[in-house]
């Protein structure tokens, strides 16, 4: 999860000056990090995040934008959760903050998705929504075959709202429910890079792209190596099969084979796994690949014609299944 922490650290330090944009980010963070709770009959806002820098960013924004005080509670990791978690809690005037940030509508009912004023705001607001959602509950895996950028959502309405926000940015994201948990997922590498840019994680993007490039180069090299290995294996098998055919051709023709064809055939039999290029270089005097191939081809054709005339098995008779199997 090193990349996830790197993105969140960078986003937590990102300076945003415009108040509406900061408010959009706060609304998204509160919505995706926990939001409303009722404790002893009172509304309490609690947002749980995984980095201290994120908690401080949220606390400062709540104080500067809305004038409400909050506290940060450190929850020690245990069980499946490693590391500390940080809860930003607002107790006093929390209902007022909930209305101001769009967690409650005008009638005091909880908003299940995202406030319409945020979703339909400027492009900077929409970028802030994604930034806040990722800071609250996002993750980024290493680039590769299974790379992904995900945000865990508090419900299907919030997931659909986040997908809609991505669409406004020209980014394709999918909402999925996995084991009862709603998520918004992006798997395409170029799309992940575009979203990191829109959120403001430029330094982490460079690290992610560098790792992505290294893995692509390594994968390409492995594919080429496998391809070359397969080609060499097939060439060797073809050479062995050709050697078996030539051996049979020399047997069929006996003394009636021309010397130049016999010489090429004996080279093939003596060096059964050599390529045609290598056979040409072994010849004395050296021959081209086409010249050695032409002589062997004529030798086989002559032997197959003789075998047909005599009614005996041709040169293919010496080729076994083992020679053709990969």
Protein backbone atom coordinates (compact mmCIF):
# COMPACT_ATOMS: atom_id res chain seq x y z
CA UNK A 1 0.00 0.00 0.00
CA UNK A 2 3.02 2.26 -0.31
CA UNK A 3 1.58 4.00 -3.37
CA UNK A 4 -1.71 4.65 -1.60
CA UNK A 5 0.10 6.33 1.29
CA UNK A 6 2.25 8.34 -1.13
CA UNK A 7 -0.82 9.66 -2.98
CA UNK A 8 -2.59 10.58 0.25
CA UNK A 9 0.49 12.26 1.71
CA UNK A 10 0.86 14.36 -1.43
CA UNK A 11 -2.85 15.24 -1.62
CA UNK A 12 -2.87 16.14 2.08
CA UNK A 13 -0.17 18.74 1.41
CA UNK A 14 -1.80 20.14 -1.72
CA UNK A 15 -2.62 23.81 -1.31
CA UNK A 16 -6.12 24.81 -2.40
CA UNK A 17 -7.07 28.46 -2.08
CA UNK A 18 -10.67 28.66 -3.33
CA UNK A 19 -13.23 28.17 -0.58
CA UNK A 20 -15.88 26.42 -2.76
CA UNK A 21 -13.29 23.87 -3.90
CA UNK A 22 -12.16 23.22 -0.32
CA UNK A 23 -15.80 22.81 0.74
CA UNK A 24 -16.37 20.23 -2.01
CA UNK A 25 -13.35 18.28 -0.76
CA UNK A 26 -14.56 18.43 2.87
CA UNK A 27 -18.05 17.26 1.88
CA UNK A 28 -16.62 14.28 0.03
CA UNK A 29 -14.22 13.41 2.84
CA UNK A 30 -16.95 13.46 5.46
CA UNK A 31 -19.30 11.45 3.24
CA UNK A 32 -16.79 8.73 2.35
CA UNK A 33 -14.95 8.57 5.69
CA UNK A 34 -17.87 7.87 7.96
CA UNK A 35 -20.09 10.92 8.23
CA UNK A 36 -23.03 11.04 10.59
CA UNK A 37 -23.46 9.09 13.81
CA UNK A 38 -26.06 9.33 16.54
CA UNK A 39 -24.54 9.06 20.02
CA UNK A 40 -26.81 9.39 23.06
CA UNK A 41 -29.52 10.91 20.88
CA UNK A 42 -27.18 13.57 19.47
CA UNK A 43 -25.76 13.90 15.99
CA UNK A 44 -21.99 13.51 15.95
CA UNK A 45 -19.78 13.78 12.88
CA UNK A 46 -16.91 11.33 12.77
CA UNK A 47 -14.55 10.84 9.84
CA UNK A 48 -12.04 7.99 10.06
CA UNK A 49 -8.92 8.22 7.87
CA UNK A 50 -5.65 6.30 7.72
CA UNK A 51 -3.10 9.14 7.76
CA UNK A 52 -2.44 11.80 10.37
CA UNK A 53 -1.78 14.34 7.60
CA UNK A 54 -5.24 13.70 6.16
CA UNK A 55 -6.87 14.12 9.57
CA UNK A 56 -5.05 17.42 10.13
CA UNK A 57 -6.08 18.68 6.69
CA UNK A 58 -9.73 17.91 7.41
CA UNK A 59 -9.63 19.44 10.88
CA UNK A 60 -8.04 22.68 9.61
CA UNK A 61 -10.56 22.93 6.75
CA UNK A 62 -13.54 22.47 9.09
CA UNK A 63 -12.24 25.22 11.36
CA UNK A 64 -11.32 27.69 8.61
CA UNK A 65 -14.34 27.16 6.34
CA UNK A 66 -17.14 26.57 8.85
CA UNK A 67 -15.77 27.82 12.17
CA UNK A 68 -16.34 24.52 14.01
CA UNK A 69 -13.84 22.95 16.37
CA UNK A 70 -13.00 19.27 16.14
CA UNK A 71 -10.73 16.77 17.82
CA UNK A 72 -8.51 14.02 16.44
CA UNK A 73 -8.67 10.63 18.14
CA UNK A 74 -5.95 8.07 17.42
CA UNK A 75 -7.19 4.48 17.16
CA UNK A 76 -4.44 1.88 17.48
CA UNK A 77 -4.31 -0.84 14.85
CA UNK A 78 -5.20 -4.40 15.71
CA UNK A 79 -6.36 -7.61 14.08
CA UNK A 80 -6.48 -7.23 10.31
CA UNK A 81 -5.78 -3.50 10.51
CA UNK A 82 -2.16 -2.53 10.72
CA UNK A 83 -1.10 0.91 11.80
CA UNK A 84 -3.08 3.64 13.50
CA UNK A 85 -6.34 5.13 12.28
CA UNK A 86 -7.34 8.75 12.90
CA UNK A 87 -10.86 9.90 13.70
CA UNK A 88 -11.82 13.54 13.24
CA UNK A 89 -14.80 14.12 15.56
CA UNK A 90 -17.11 17.12 15.71
CA UNK A 91 -19.49 17.09 18.69
CA UNK A 92 -20.57 20.69 19.26
CA UNK A 93 -22.83 22.13 16.56
CA UNK A 94 -22.30 18.98 14.52
CA UNK A 95 -25.84 19.15 13.11
CA UNK A 96 -25.11 22.64 11.75
CA UNK A 97 -21.92 21.34 10.12
CA UNK A 98 -23.83 18.40 8.68
CA UNK A 99 -26.25 20.81 6.99
CA UNK A 100 -23.45 23.09 5.81
CA UNK A 101 -21.51 20.23 4.23
CA UNK A 102 -24.56 18.57 2.68
CA UNK A 103 -24.65 15.49 4.89
CA UNK A 104 -28.20 16.53 5.80
CA UNK A 105 -30.69 18.03 3.38
CA UNK A 106 -32.95 21.04 4.10
CA UNK A 107 -35.44 18.78 5.90
CA UNK A 108 -32.78 17.26 8.12
CA UNK A 109 -32.67 13.92 6.30
CA UNK A 110 -29.32 12.19 5.59
CA UNK A 111 -28.07 12.58 2.03
CA UNK A 112 -27.20 9.15 0.67
CA UNK A 113 -25.20 10.27 -2.34
CA UNK A 114 -23.35 13.57 -2.64
CA UNK A 115 -24.84 17.07 -2.36
CA UNK A 116 -26.09 18.24 -5.75
CA UNK A 117 -24.37 21.59 -5.30
CA UNK A 118 -21.06 19.70 -5.13
CA UNK A 119 -21.71 17.21 -7.94
CA UNK A 120 -22.95 19.94 -10.27
CA UNK A 121 -20.25 22.45 -9.31
CA UNK A 122 -17.24 23.57 -11.32
CA UNK A 123 -14.64 21.17 -12.71
CA UNK A 124 -12.37 22.16 -9.82
CA UNK A 125 -15.17 21.16 -7.44
CA UNK A 126 -15.51 17.79 -9.15
CA UNK A 127 -11.75 17.21 -8.91
CA UNK A 128 -12.00 18.09 -5.20
CA UNK A 129 -14.80 15.51 -4.77
CA UNK A 130 -12.50 12.79 -6.09
CA UNK A 131 -9.61 14.09 -4.01
CA UNK A 132 -11.71 14.01 -0.86
CA UNK A 133 -13.15 10.57 -1.62
CA UNK A 134 -9.68 9.14 -2.25
CA UNK A 135 -8.25 10.71 0.90
CA UNK A 136 -11.13 9.22 2.85
CA UNK A 137 -11.24 5.68 1.48
CA UNK A 138 -9.12 5.30 -1.66
CA UNK A 139 -6.38 2.88 -2.65
CA UNK A 140 -3.90 2.58 -5.52
CA UNK A 141 -2.10 -0.65 -6.38
CA UNK A 142 1.20 -1.06 -8.19
CA UNK A 143 0.97 -0.81 -11.97
CA UNK A 144 0.76 -4.11 -13.78
CA UNK A 145 -1.75 -6.64 -14.98
CA UNK A 146 -4.01 -6.17 -11.92
CA UNK A 147 -3.39 -2.49 -11.21
CA UNK A 148 -6.37 -0.48 -10.00
CA UNK A 149 -7.47 2.71 -8.32
CA UNK A 150 -10.41 2.11 -6.00
CA UNK A 151 -12.61 4.06 -3.61
CA UNK A 152 -14.71 2.21 -1.05
CA UNK A 153 -18.12 3.87 -0.81
CA UNK A 154 -20.65 4.10 2.04
CA UNK A 155 -23.46 3.00 -0.27
CA UNK A 156 -24.55 2.54 -3.89
CA UNK A 157 -25.84 6.12 -4.15
CA UNK A 158 -22.44 7.54 -3.20
CA UNK A 159 -20.75 5.15 -5.65
CA UNK A 160 -23.00 6.27 -8.51
CA UNK A 161 -22.42 9.92 -7.61
CA UNK A 162 -18.66 9.35 -7.74
CA UNK A 163 -18.95 7.60 -11.11
CA UNK A 164 -20.94 10.58 -12.38
CA UNK A 165 -18.26 12.96 -11.10
CA UNK A 166 -15.62 10.94 -12.95
CA UNK A 167 -17.70 11.10 -16.13
CA UNK A 168 -17.70 14.91 -15.92
CA UNK A 169 -13.90 14.75 -15.85
CA UNK A 170 -13.88 12.55 -18.95
CA UNK A 171 -12.81 9.53 -16.91
CA UNK A 172 -14.43 6.09 -17.15
CA UNK A 173 -15.05 4.52 -13.74
CA UNK A 174 -17.24 1.58 -12.74
CA UNK A 175 -19.34 1.03 -9.63
CA UNK A 176 -19.20 -2.52 -8.27
CA UNK A 177 -20.49 -4.34 -5.24
CA UNK A 178 -17.99 -6.85 -3.87
CA UNK A 179 -19.07 -8.97 -0.90
CA UNK A 180 -21.64 -6.39 0.11
CA UNK A 181 -19.23 -3.45 -0.15
CA UNK A 182 -19.75 -0.77 -2.80
CA UNK A 183 -16.64 0.32 -4.67
CA UNK A 184 -15.75 2.57 -7.57
CA UNK A 185 -12.96 1.02 -9.61
CA UNK A 186 -10.63 2.22 -12.39
CA UNK A 187 -8.28 -0.36 -13.93
CA UNK A 188 -7.00 1.22 -17.15
CA UNK A 189 -3.47 2.56 -16.67
CA UNK A 190 -3.93 5.70 -18.78
CA UNK A 191 -7.19 6.50 -16.99
CA UNK A 192 -5.56 6.08 -13.58
CA UNK A 193 -2.78 8.44 -14.66
CA UNK A 194 -5.34 11.00 -15.86
CA UNK A 195 -7.23 10.88 -12.54
CA UNK A 196 -4.06 11.22 -10.47
CA UNK A 197 -3.30 14.34 -12.49
CA UNK A 198 -6.81 15.77 -11.97
CA UNK A 199 -6.64 15.13 -8.21
CA UNK A 200 -3.25 16.86 -7.96
CA UNK A 201 -0.93 13.90 -7.19
CA UNK A 202 1.71 14.90 -9.73
CA UNK A 203 4.79 13.60 -7.91
CA UNK A 204 3.24 10.22 -7.16
CA UNK A 205 2.09 10.03 -10.78
CA UNK A 206 5.74 10.26 -11.90
CA UNK A 207 6.66 7.38 -9.57
CA UNK A 208 3.67 5.32 -10.72
CA UNK A 209 4.41 5.96 -14.42
CA UNK A 210 8.08 5.06 -13.96
CA UNK A 211 7.13 1.77 -12.29
CA UNK A 212 4.52 1.16 -14.97
CA UNK A 213 7.07 1.73 -17.74
CA UNK A 214 9.60 -0.61 -16.12
CA UNK A 215 7.02 -3.38 -15.84
CA UNK A 216 5.86 -2.91 -19.42
CA UNK A 217 9.45 -3.05 -20.69
CA UNK A 218 10.10 -6.16 -18.59
CA UNK A 219 6.90 -7.80 -19.82
CA UNK A 220 7.78 -6.99 -23.43
CA UNK A 221 11.27 -8.41 -22.95
CA UNK A 222 9.83 -11.58 -21.44
CA UNK A 223 7.37 -11.96 -24.31
CA UNK A 224 10.14 -11.51 -26.87
CA UNK A 225 12.37 -13.95 -25.02
CA UNK A 226 9.57 -16.52 -24.92
CA UNK A 227 8.85 -15.87 -28.59
CA UNK A 228 12.51 -16.30 -29.53
CA UNK A 229 12.76 -19.43 -27.40
CA UNK A 230 9.70 -20.91 -29.09
CA UNK A 231 11.09 -20.05 -32.52
CA UNK A 232 14.43 -21.65 -31.71
CA UNK A 233 12.66 -24.74 -30.41
CA UNK A 234 10.52 -25.02 -33.54
CA UNK A 235 13.57 -24.47 -35.78
CA UNK A 236 15.48 -27.21 -33.98
CA UNK A 237 12.52 -29.59 -34.27
CA UNK A 238 12.17 -28.83 -37.97
CA UNK A 239 15.91 -29.44 -38.45
CA UNK A 240 15.73 -32.82 -36.69
CA UNK A 241 12.71 -33.84 -38.79
CA UNK A 242 14.49 -32.72 -41.97
CA UNK A 243 17.56 -34.73 -40.93
CA UNK A 244 15.41 -37.85 -40.52
CA UNK A 245 13.92 -37.32 -44.00
CA UNK A 246 17.35 -36.80 -45.55
CA UNK A 247 18.62 -39.97 -43.86
CA UNK A 248 15.74 -41.89 -45.45
CA UNK A 249 16.38 -40.19 -48.82
CA UNK A 250 20.02 -41.30 -48.87
CA UNK A 251 18.87 -44.81 -47.97
CA UNK A 252 16.34 -44.86 -50.83
CA UNK A 253 18.68 -43.47 -53.49
CA UNK A 254 21.78 -45.40 -52.46
CA UNK A 255 24.58 -44.87 -54.99
CA UNK A 256 22.28 -43.12 -57.48
CA UNK A 257 22.41 -39.74 -55.74
CA UNK A 258 24.40 -36.90 -57.35
CA UNK A 259 27.51 -35.94 -55.37
CA UNK A 260 26.46 -32.32 -54.69
CA UNK A 261 23.08 -33.44 -53.34
CA UNK A 262 24.70 -36.24 -51.36
CA UNK A 263 27.14 -33.76 -49.78
CA UNK A 264 24.31 -31.46 -48.68
CA UNK A 265 22.35 -34.45 -47.35
CA UNK A 266 25.31 -35.76 -45.35
CA UNK A 267 25.78 -32.30 -43.81
CA UNK A 268 22.13 -32.31 -42.74
CA UNK A 269 22.40 -35.78 -41.20
CA UNK A 270 25.67 -34.98 -39.42
CA UNK A 271 24.30 -31.76 -37.88
CA UNK A 272 20.64 -32.53 -37.26
CA UNK A 273 19.89 -29.55 -35.01
CA UNK A 274 21.81 -26.94 -37.01
CA UNK A 275 19.94 -24.24 -38.90
CA UNK A 276 20.25 -23.87 -42.67
CA UNK A 277 22.48 -20.84 -42.14
CA UNK A 278 24.77 -22.90 -39.94
CA UNK A 279 24.85 -25.76 -42.46
CA UNK A 280 25.85 -23.33 -45.19
CA UNK A 281 28.74 -22.07 -43.07
CA UNK A 282 29.84 -25.64 -42.29
CA UNK A 283 30.04 -26.52 -45.99
CA UNK A 284 33.39 -26.51 -47.80
CA UNK A 285 33.34 -24.22 -49.65
CA UNK A 286 30.67 -22.30 -47.68
CA UNK A 287 27.22 -22.02 -49.23
CA UNK A 288 24.29 -19.68 -48.79
CA UNK A 289 21.21 -20.70 -46.87
CA UNK A 290 19.18 -20.82 -50.11
CA UNK A 291 21.78 -22.97 -51.85
CA UNK A 292 21.87 -25.61 -49.10
CA UNK A 293 18.08 -25.55 -48.80
CA UNK A 294 17.68 -25.99 -52.57
CA UNK A 295 20.00 -29.02 -52.65
CA UNK A 296 18.23 -30.70 -49.73
CA UNK A 297 14.84 -29.99 -51.32
CA UNK A 298 15.93 -31.59 -54.62
CA UNK A 299 17.38 -34.58 -52.76
CA UNK A 300 14.08 -35.19 -50.95
CA UNK A 301 12.03 -34.75 -54.12
CA UNK A 302 14.24 -37.21 -56.01
CA UNK A 303 14.01 -39.77 -53.18
CA UNK A 304 10.22 -39.45 -52.84
CA UNK A 305 9.80 -39.96 -56.61
CA UNK A 306 12.02 -43.07 -56.48
CA UNK A 307 10.06 -44.41 -53.49
CA UNK A 308 6.77 -43.81 -55.31
CA UNK A 309 8.06 -45.69 -58.36
CA UNK A 310 9.21 -48.58 -56.20
CA UNK A 311 6.09 -48.61 -54.04
CA UNK A 312 8.01 -48.18 -50.78
CA UNK A 313 7.63 -45.65 -47.93
CA UNK A 314 8.99 -42.18 -48.78
CA UNK A 315 11.14 -39.82 -46.77
CA UNK A 316 8.32 -38.98 -44.33
CA UNK A 317 8.50 -42.52 -42.98
CA UNK A 318 11.42 -41.61 -40.72
CA UNK A 319 9.65 -38.62 -39.11
CA UNK A 320 8.21 -39.55 -35.69
CA UNK A 321 5.63 -37.77 -33.53
CA UNK A 322 8.31 -37.00 -30.94
CA UNK A 323 10.15 -34.92 -33.53
CA UNK A 324 7.07 -32.75 -34.13
CA UNK A 325 5.95 -32.25 -30.51
CA UNK A 326 6.85 -28.98 -28.72
